[in-house]
Amino acid sequence: MFIVILLIALSVWGVAWVIVDVRRDGYGQRATDWSRVAGHDDALQRAESTTSYR
């Protein structure tokens, strides 16, 4: 019985540690800087620089 209680306590501690670690890892959502995305074609900028529209 002691081993079962020990395993449950370690499991609870591990889950709590994972939650804390994931919350402070620094890799949260960030706004995308579209000027740095490869192959990004800004249609509005392209339309403003041309004389005719499709």
Protein backbone atom coordinates (compact mmCIF):
# COMPACT_ATOMS: atom_id res chain seq x y z
CA MET A 1 0.00 0.00 0.00
CA PHE A 2 2.88 2.34 0.74
CA ILE A 3 4.23 1.94 -2.80
CA VAL A 4 0.82 2.75 -4.32
CA ILE A 5 0.56 5.95 -2.25
CA LEU A 6 4.13 6.86 -3.23
CA LEU A 7 3.39 6.34 -6.93
CA ILE A 8 0.21 8.45 -6.74
CA ALA A 9 2.10 11.23 -4.94
CA LEU A 10 4.87 11.17 -7.56
CA SER A 11 2.30 11.23 -10.37
CA VAL A 12 0.51 14.24 -8.89
CA TRP A 13 3.84 16.02 -8.38
CA GLY A 14 4.87 15.24 -11.97
CA VAL A 15 1.62 16.53 -13.47
CA ALA A 16 1.79 19.70 -11.39
CA TRP A 17 5.42 20.27 -12.42
CA VAL A 18 4.57 19.83 -16.12
CA ILE A 19 1.74 22.37 -15.87
CA VAL A 20 3.99 24.91 -14.14
CA ASP A 21 6.85 24.32 -16.59
CA VAL A 22 4.66 24.62 -19.70
CA ARG A 23 3.11 27.87 -18.43
CA ARG A 24 6.48 29.57 -18.01
CA ASP A 25 8.42 28.16 -20.96
CA GLY A 26 8.33 31.43 -22.93
CA TYR A 27 6.95 29.93 -26.13
CA GLY A 28 3.49 31.45 -26.02
CA GLN A 29 1.55 32.79 -28.98
CA ARG A 30 3.22 35.60 -30.88
CA ALA A 31 1.94 37.88 -33.59
CA THR A 32 3.23 36.86 -37.00
CA ASP A 33 5.61 39.28 -38.72
CA TRP A 34 4.43 38.75 -42.29
CA SER A 35 7.42 40.62 -43.72
CA ARG A 36 9.69 37.76 -42.56
CA VAL A 37 7.59 34.88 -43.95
CA ALA A 38 9.16 33.32 -47.04
CA GLY A 39 6.97 33.39 -50.12
CA HIS A 40 4.44 35.78 -48.63
CA ASP A 41 2.84 37.84 -51.36
CA ASP A 42 1.00 40.89 -50.09
CA ALA A 43 -1.84 41.37 -52.57
CA LEU A 44 -2.73 44.84 -51.34
CA GLN A 45 0.79 46.14 -51.72
CA ARG A 46 1.07 44.57 -55.18
CA ALA A 47 -2.28 46.13 -56.22
CA GLU A 48 -1.22 49.58 -55.04
CA SER A 49 1.99 49.46 -57.07
CA THR A 50 0.38 48.48 -60.38
CA THR A 51 -1.63 50.62 -62.76
CA SER A 52 -4.24 48.02 -63.68
CA TYR A 53 -6.34 45.56 -61.76
CA ARG A 54 -7.46 42.11 -62.76
